[in-house]
Amino acid sequence: MRGASHETELVRLSSNRVPDRFYRGGPALGDFRGERVEASHEPEDWVASTTCVHGGTRAGLTTLPHGQLLRDAIAAEPEQWLGPVHVEHCGADPLLLVKLLHAGQRLPVHAHPCAADAARLCGETHGKAEAWYIIRGGEVHLGLREEHDHEGLARLMRSRESDLLAALHRVAVAPGDVVYVTPGTLHSIGAGVVLLEVQEPSDLSIMLEHEPYGLDPTRDGHLGVGYPAVLSAVTTSRLPMSRLKSLVYPAVASKQVLPVEADRYFRLERVIVDRPRRLERGYAVLVVTAGTVSLRAGGRVLEAVKGSTFVAPFSLGPMVATGRGEIIVCRPPQRGPVA
């Protein structure tokens, strides 16, 4: 790596808002970060990102404070960053993308492919399972209320906006709730919601709404393969209420607040700092979501307020958090890549 041994430090990250997204948002991220955001279409802050915006070559990638891309730093010293077990199973791929997101308007109804469908349809390595930790509440839409076939989904896509949205479960969410979104599941995030998203490192979306967002259905939202093909990656079965309740619920303070089935994709820990708390060793992305905390690691102490973000390399070892606040810790899957 260039210069000092940065891979043994806890690295404080600057904002990494992706410009010119297709939906409105951004000012609430500034409020959370303690920054001023005037842009109307910067609704996503990609934290510790080694992933490019779909179709791009640089947008979305995180630059470390000393000027190197995080992607390149990890590629140069993968075991220092990710640990030998991760590298043995997964190589130099962190298998993780974290975002802060502000829905300045309701997001379109959409879904993301699983890894197998991403490979089959467009030759991509990763699908996109995702989970949200709600910072500012509102409502979300998740999963079909009734079973449809793919022709039925195509008809809904061509119908009135209200018909498509009404086909999904509507759920009120509050700060501290978590939502787990499996690949293929239709969903939408309501206007005003602010959340932390942990996901597979992919920017593939299948859009079922277009006009309100300035999207062109002949060009956008079908991954370049056309809707007859891409809708095969969307789940058409009904999402029962019992299953819905296992996907949306208040998070407890725990080393893993997501359903066990999410372990194969990523892990999310909620740490309430009201006394000294030990954070286990391992590559991690940290977001301080409340209060003021001190992070002691590698012989250094860093002060952090709400909105602070960090990336921790494996070589750093364990950390200790003190003060009063809340930290969300995002980690790669425990074991090897998803089969």
Protein backbone atom coordinates (compact mmCIF):
# COMPACT_ATOMS: atom_id res chain seq x y z
CA MET A 1 0.00 0.00 0.00
CA ARG A 2 1.06 3.59 -0.46
CA GLY A 3 2.60 5.57 2.36
CA ALA A 4 1.89 4.62 5.96
CA SER A 5 0.40 1.31 7.04
CA HIS A 6 -3.20 2.43 6.60
CA GLU A 7 -4.48 -1.14 6.68
CA THR A 8 -3.82 -1.25 10.46
CA GLU A 9 -5.91 1.85 11.16
CA LEU A 10 -9.59 2.52 11.62
CA VAL A 11 -10.32 4.76 8.63
CA ARG A 12 -12.76 7.64 8.88
CA LEU A 13 -14.65 8.09 5.61
CA SER A 14 -15.99 11.19 3.93
CA SER A 15 -19.36 11.33 2.21
CA ASN A 16 -19.52 9.53 -1.13
CA ARG A 17 -22.82 10.66 -2.62
CA VAL A 18 -23.48 9.40 -6.13
CA PRO A 19 -24.66 12.30 -8.33
CA ASP A 20 -27.58 12.41 -10.72
CA ARG A 21 -29.59 9.42 -9.60
CA PHE A 22 -33.04 9.07 -11.15
CA TYR A 23 -34.99 9.85 -7.97
CA ARG A 24 -34.94 12.82 -5.61
CA GLY A 25 -33.20 12.92 -2.25
CA GLY A 26 -30.08 13.99 -0.42
CA PRO A 27 -30.78 16.86 2.00
CA ALA A 28 -31.69 14.47 4.84
CA LEU A 29 -28.35 12.73 4.37
CA GLY A 30 -26.74 16.10 4.93
CA ASP A 31 -28.72 16.50 8.14
CA PHE A 32 -27.61 13.06 9.30
CA ARG A 33 -23.98 13.69 8.35
CA GLY A 34 -23.90 17.25 9.68
CA GLU A 35 -23.28 18.61 6.19
CA ARG A 36 -25.13 20.89 3.82
CA VAL A 37 -26.55 19.17 0.75
CA GLU A 38 -28.15 21.35 -1.91
CA ALA A 39 -28.27 18.84 -4.77
CA SER A 40 -31.74 17.46 -5.44
CA HIS A 41 -30.75 14.05 -6.84
CA GLU A 42 -27.98 12.75 -4.56
CA PRO A 43 -30.08 10.38 -2.45
CA GLU A 44 -27.39 7.71 -1.86
CA ASP A 45 -24.11 7.83 0.04
CA TRP A 46 -22.08 4.72 -0.86
CA VAL A 47 -20.03 3.89 2.23
CA ALA A 48 -16.76 1.91 1.95
CA SER A 49 -17.72 1.01 -1.61
CA THR A 50 -15.67 -1.21 -3.91
CA THR A 51 -18.64 -1.26 -6.32
CA CYS A 52 -19.22 0.94 -9.37
CA VAL A 53 -22.55 2.33 -10.46
CA HIS A 54 -23.96 -0.06 -13.07
CA GLY A 55 -22.45 0.76 -16.43
CA GLY A 56 -19.82 3.07 -14.94
CA THR A 57 -16.09 2.81 -14.34
CA ARG A 58 -15.50 5.05 -11.29
CA ALA A 59 -18.75 6.47 -9.89
CA GLY A 60 -19.64 4.88 -6.56
CA LEU A 61 -16.12 3.86 -5.57
CA THR A 62 -14.81 5.04 -2.20
CA THR A 63 -11.57 7.01 -2.05
CA LEU A 64 -9.57 6.68 1.17
CA PRO A 65 -8.22 9.81 2.91
CA HIS A 66 -4.72 9.28 1.46
CA GLY A 67 -6.13 9.26 -2.10
CA GLN A 68 -6.19 5.56 -2.94
CA LEU A 69 -9.38 3.77 -3.94
CA LEU A 70 -10.52 1.35 -1.25
CA ARG A 71 -10.92 -1.25 -4.01
CA ASP A 72 -7.24 -0.92 -4.93
CA ALA A 73 -6.08 -0.91 -1.31
CA ILE A 74 -7.89 -4.18 -0.65
CA ALA A 75 -6.56 -5.73 -3.86
CA ALA A 76 -3.00 -4.81 -2.81
CA GLU A 77 -3.27 -6.25 0.73
CA PRO A 78 -6.35 -8.51 0.84
CA GLU A 79 -5.42 -10.50 3.96
CA GLN A 80 -4.64 -7.32 5.89
CA TRP A 81 -8.05 -5.91 5.03
CA LEU A 82 -10.29 -8.96 4.88
CA GLY A 83 -8.52 -11.65 6.86
CA PRO A 84 -7.04 -14.97 5.68
CA VAL A 85 -10.25 -17.00 6.03
CA HIS A 86 -12.26 -14.57 3.91
CA VAL A 87 -9.54 -14.41 1.29
CA GLU A 88 -9.30 -18.21 1.16
CA HIS A 89 -13.03 -18.50 0.41
CA CYS A 90 -13.77 -15.28 -1.50
CA GLY A 91 -10.53 -13.73 -2.70
CA ALA A 92 -10.13 -9.96 -2.50
CA ASP A 93 -13.86 -9.26 -2.81
CA PRO A 94 -15.39 -7.83 0.41
CA LEU A 95 -18.83 -9.09 -0.75
CA LEU A 96 -20.36 -6.01 0.85
CA LEU A 97 -21.81 -2.62 -0.04
CA VAL A 98 -23.25 -0.21 2.52
CA LYS A 99 -25.36 2.82 1.64
CA LEU A 100 -27.08 5.66 3.41
CA LEU A 101 -30.27 6.48 1.52
CA HIS A 102 -32.80 9.32 1.64
CA ALA A 103 -35.97 8.79 -0.36
CA GLY A 104 -36.87 12.33 -1.33
CA GLN A 105 -39.75 10.76 -3.23
CA ARG A 106 -41.19 7.28 -3.23
CA LEU A 107 -38.88 4.92 -5.06
CA PRO A 108 -40.32 3.00 -8.01
CA VAL A 109 -41.54 -0.53 -7.47
CA HIS A 110 -38.56 -2.69 -8.34
CA ALA A 111 -36.68 -5.89 -7.58
CA HIS A 112 -33.11 -7.15 -7.77
CA PRO A 113 -31.91 -10.44 -9.25
CA CYS A 114 -30.27 -13.23 -7.30
CA ALA A 115 -26.68 -14.13 -8.19
CA ALA A 116 -27.73 -16.95 -10.52
CA ASP A 117 -30.14 -14.69 -12.43
CA ALA A 118 -27.58 -11.86 -12.56
CA ALA A 119 -25.10 -14.27 -14.15
CA ARG A 120 -27.70 -15.78 -16.49
CA LEU A 121 -29.15 -12.49 -17.69
CA CYS A 122 -26.18 -10.16 -17.88
CA GLY A 123 -23.01 -11.98 -16.90
CA GLU A 124 -22.64 -10.23 -13.54
CA THR A 125 -20.99 -11.88 -10.53
CA HIS A 126 -23.28 -10.63 -7.77
CA GLY A 127 -27.01 -10.49 -7.24
CA LYS A 128 -28.56 -8.18 -4.71
CA ALA A 129 -30.02 -9.26 -1.44
CA GLU A 130 -30.37 -6.24 0.83
CA ALA A 131 -31.47 -5.17 4.29
CA TRP A 132 -32.40 -1.80 5.74
CA TYR A 133 -31.91 -0.29 9.17
CA ILE A 134 -34.46 2.51 9.46
CA ILE A 135 -33.09 5.87 10.63
CA ARG A 136 -36.16 8.01 9.84
CA GLY A 137 -39.47 6.23 9.51
CA GLY A 138 -42.37 6.28 7.11
CA GLU A 139 -43.74 3.45 5.02
CA VAL A 140 -42.32 0.80 2.74
CA HIS A 141 -43.91 -1.66 0.33
CA LEU A 142 -42.67 -5.23 0.27
CA GLY A 143 -43.76 -8.42 -1.49
CA LEU A 144 -46.89 -9.34 -3.41
CA ARG A 145 -50.17 -9.62 -1.54
CA GLU A 146 -51.47 -12.19 -4.03
CA GLU A 147 -49.79 -14.57 -6.45
CA HIS A 148 -49.23 -13.37 -10.02
CA ASP A 149 -47.63 -14.91 -13.07
CA HIS A 150 -45.07 -13.01 -15.12
CA GLU A 151 -47.70 -11.95 -17.65
CA GLY A 152 -49.70 -10.54 -14.75
CA LEU A 153 -46.67 -8.57 -13.59
CA ALA A 154 -46.26 -7.18 -17.09
CA ARG A 155 -49.90 -6.06 -17.05
CA LEU A 156 -49.43 -4.42 -13.65
CA MET A 157 -46.36 -2.65 -15.00
CA ARG A 158 -48.50 -1.14 -17.76
CA SER A 159 -51.38 -0.27 -15.42
CA ARG A 160 -51.97 2.74 -13.26
CA GLU A 161 -49.33 3.44 -10.62
CA SER A 162 -51.89 2.89 -7.85
CA ASP A 163 -52.69 -0.63 -9.10
CA LEU A 164 -49.06 -1.74 -9.00
CA LEU A 165 -48.43 -0.26 -5.57
CA ALA A 166 -51.65 -1.76 -4.20
CA ALA A 167 -50.42 -5.20 -5.24
CA LEU A 168 -47.70 -4.97 -2.56
CA HIS A 169 -47.91 -5.10 1.23
CA ARG A 170 -47.71 -1.63 2.78
CA VAL A 171 -45.82 -1.53 6.08
CA ALA A 172 -45.21 1.37 8.47
CA VAL A 173 -41.60 1.46 9.71
CA ALA A 174 -40.08 3.37 12.60
CA PRO A 175 -36.51 4.27 13.56
CA GLY A 176 -34.74 1.13 14.74
CA ASP A 177 -36.73 -1.26 12.56
CA VAL A 178 -35.00 -3.63 10.16
CA VAL A 179 -36.30 -4.84 6.81
CA TYR A 180 -34.78 -7.82 4.99
CA VAL A 181 -35.38 -7.90 1.22
CA THR A 182 -34.62 -11.17 -0.53
CA PRO A 183 -33.53 -11.18 -4.19
CA GLY A 184 -36.46 -11.11 -6.60
CA THR A 185 -38.88 -9.53 -4.10
CA LEU A 186 -40.74 -6.45 -5.35
CA HIS A 187 -40.40 -3.46 -3.05
CA SER A 188 -40.52 0.32 -2.77
CA ILE A 189 -39.30 2.81 -0.16
CA GLY A 190 -41.72 5.57 0.77
CA ALA A 191 -41.03 9.30 0.52
CA GLY A 192 -39.16 10.74 3.49
CA VAL A 193 -37.63 7.50 4.73
CA VAL A 194 -33.93 7.59 5.65
CA LEU A 195 -32.15 4.29 6.08
CA LEU A 196 -28.87 2.45 6.20
CA GLU A 197 -28.73 -0.30 3.60
CA VAL A 198 -26.45 -3.31 3.69
CA GLN A 199 -26.39 -5.36 0.51
CA GLU A 200 -24.53 -7.55 -1.89
CA PRO A 201 -22.12 -5.43 -3.97
CA SER A 202 -24.32 -4.89 -7.01
CA ASP A 203 -26.20 -2.07 -8.72
CA LEU A 204 -28.71 -4.17 -10.69
CA SER A 205 -32.38 -3.15 -10.52
CA ILE A 206 -35.46 -4.33 -12.39
CA MET A 207 -37.87 -1.39 -12.57
CA LEU A 208 -41.63 -1.81 -12.91
CA GLU A 209 -42.32 1.96 -12.87
CA HIS A 210 -40.87 4.50 -15.26
CA GLU A 211 -42.70 7.69 -16.22
CA PRO A 212 -42.78 9.44 -12.81
CA TYR A 213 -38.99 9.08 -12.63
CA GLY A 214 -38.06 10.12 -16.14
CA LEU A 215 -37.14 6.56 -17.08
CA ASP A 216 -37.65 5.13 -20.56
CA PRO A 217 -38.95 1.53 -20.48
CA THR A 218 -37.34 0.82 -23.85
CA ARG A 219 -33.95 1.68 -22.37
CA ASP A 220 -34.11 1.61 -18.58
CA GLY A 221 -34.93 -0.93 -15.90
CA HIS A 222 -34.53 -4.22 -17.76
CA LEU A 223 -30.74 -4.74 -17.44
CA GLY A 224 -30.38 -4.49 -21.20
CA VAL A 225 -32.10 -7.81 -21.89
CA GLY A 226 -35.74 -6.69 -22.29
CA TYR A 227 -38.71 -7.16 -19.98
CA PRO A 228 -39.84 -10.59 -21.22
CA ALA A 229 -36.48 -11.97 -20.08
CA VAL A 230 -35.81 -9.87 -17.00
CA LEU A 231 -39.20 -10.45 -15.35
CA SER A 232 -38.19 -14.10 -14.97
CA ALA A 233 -35.94 -12.91 -12.12
CA VAL A 234 -38.87 -11.38 -10.18
CA THR A 235 -40.67 -13.42 -7.53
CA THR A 236 -44.34 -13.91 -8.48
CA SER A 237 -45.53 -15.84 -5.43
CA ARG A 238 -47.61 -14.35 -2.62
CA LEU A 239 -45.75 -13.15 0.47
CA PRO A 240 -47.80 -14.41 3.45
CA MET A 241 -48.29 -12.15 6.45
CA SER A 242 -46.45 -14.64 8.67
CA ARG A 243 -43.41 -14.39 6.41
CA LEU A 244 -43.70 -10.60 6.20
CA LYS A 245 -43.50 -10.35 9.99
CA SER A 246 -40.25 -12.31 9.91
CA LEU A 247 -38.78 -9.78 7.46
CA VAL A 248 -39.84 -6.47 9.08
CA TYR A 249 -39.45 -5.98 12.84
CA PRO A 250 -37.80 -3.83 15.53
CA ALA A 251 -34.08 -4.51 15.88
CA VAL A 252 -32.68 -5.57 19.22
CA ALA A 253 -29.14 -4.83 20.36
CA SER A 254 -27.39 -7.91 19.04
CA LYS A 255 -24.43 -9.20 17.07
CA GLN A 256 -26.86 -10.15 14.30
CA VAL A 257 -30.17 -8.36 14.02
CA LEU A 258 -31.15 -9.83 10.66
CA PRO A 259 -32.78 -13.21 10.01
CA VAL A 260 -30.35 -16.14 10.10
CA GLU A 261 -30.93 -16.68 6.36
CA ALA A 262 -29.21 -13.33 5.70
CA ASP A 263 -25.90 -14.64 7.08
CA ARG A 264 -25.04 -16.07 3.67
CA TYR A 265 -25.07 -12.53 2.24
CA PHE A 266 -24.04 -10.12 5.03
CA ARG A 267 -24.30 -9.44 8.75
CA LEU A 268 -25.57 -6.40 10.62
CA GLU A 269 -24.92 -5.67 14.29
CA ARG A 270 -26.64 -3.04 16.42
CA VAL A 271 -24.40 -1.85 19.26
CA ILE A 272 -25.89 0.33 22.00
CA VAL A 273 -22.99 2.16 23.63
CA ASP A 274 -23.99 2.83 27.24
CA ARG A 275 -20.86 1.24 28.73
CA PRO A 276 -17.63 0.00 27.14
CA ARG A 277 -18.54 -2.30 24.26
CA ARG A 278 -16.13 -4.62 22.48
CA LEU A 279 -16.40 -4.87 18.70
CA GLU A 280 -14.99 -8.11 17.39
CA ARG A 281 -12.09 -8.29 14.97
CA GLY A 282 -12.88 -8.42 11.26
CA TYR A 283 -13.47 -6.30 8.19
CA ALA A 284 -16.40 -4.03 8.96
CA VAL A 285 -18.17 -0.83 7.96
CA LEU A 286 -19.28 1.25 10.95
CA VAL A 287 -21.99 3.93 10.96
CA VAL A 288 -22.68 5.96 14.10
CA THR A 289 -26.44 6.47 14.07
CA ALA A 290 -26.89 8.30 17.39
CA GLY A 291 -24.96 10.08 20.11
CA THR A 292 -21.23 10.58 20.54
CA VAL A 293 -18.82 7.70 20.96
CA SER A 294 -15.09 7.06 21.20
CA LEU A 295 -13.55 4.18 19.27
CA ARG A 296 -10.31 2.77 20.64
CA ALA A 297 -8.36 0.57 18.24
CA GLY A 298 -4.75 -0.04 17.31
CA GLY A 299 -3.50 2.29 20.02
CA ARG A 300 -5.56 5.22 18.73
CA VAL A 301 -8.81 6.79 19.90
CA LEU A 302 -11.19 8.38 17.42
CA GLU A 303 -14.14 10.51 18.46
CA ALA A 304 -17.30 10.03 16.43
CA VAL A 305 -20.67 11.77 16.35
CA LYS A 306 -23.93 10.82 14.67
CA GLY A 307 -23.38 10.45 10.94
CA SER A 308 -19.73 9.38 11.18
CA THR A 309 -18.68 6.44 9.02
CA PHE A 310 -15.61 4.21 9.18
CA VAL A 311 -14.08 1.14 7.57
CA ALA A 312 -12.15 -1.26 9.81
CA PRO A 313 -9.58 -3.68 8.34
CA PHE A 314 -9.13 -7.18 9.77
CA SER A 315 -5.56 -6.37 10.81
CA LEU A 316 -6.81 -3.69 13.19
CA GLY A 317 -7.98 -6.27 15.70
CA PRO A 318 -10.87 -5.76 18.10
CA MET A 319 -12.15 -2.31 19.03
CA VAL A 320 -13.71 -0.84 22.16
CA ALA A 321 -16.50 1.74 21.95
CA THR A 322 -17.25 4.06 24.86
CA GLY A 323 -19.51 7.07 25.37
CA ARG A 324 -23.24 7.13 24.73
CA GLY A 325 -24.70 6.37 21.36
CA GLU A 326 -25.49 3.71 18.78
CA ILE A 327 -23.28 2.08 16.16
CA ILE A 328 -24.41 -0.10 13.27
CA VAL A 329 -21.69 -2.54 12.25
CA CYS A 330 -21.96 -4.11 8.79
CA ARG A 331 -19.90 -7.19 7.97
CA PRO A 332 -19.43 -9.61 5.06
CA PRO A 333 -20.91 -13.12 5.25
CA GLN A 334 -19.39 -15.36 7.88
CA ARG A 335 -18.23 -18.02 5.45
CA GLY A 336 -17.50 -18.44 1.76
CA PRO A 337 -19.40 -17.11 -1.25
CA VAL A 338 -23.07 -17.85 -1.85
CA ALA A 339 -23.54 -21.04 -3.85
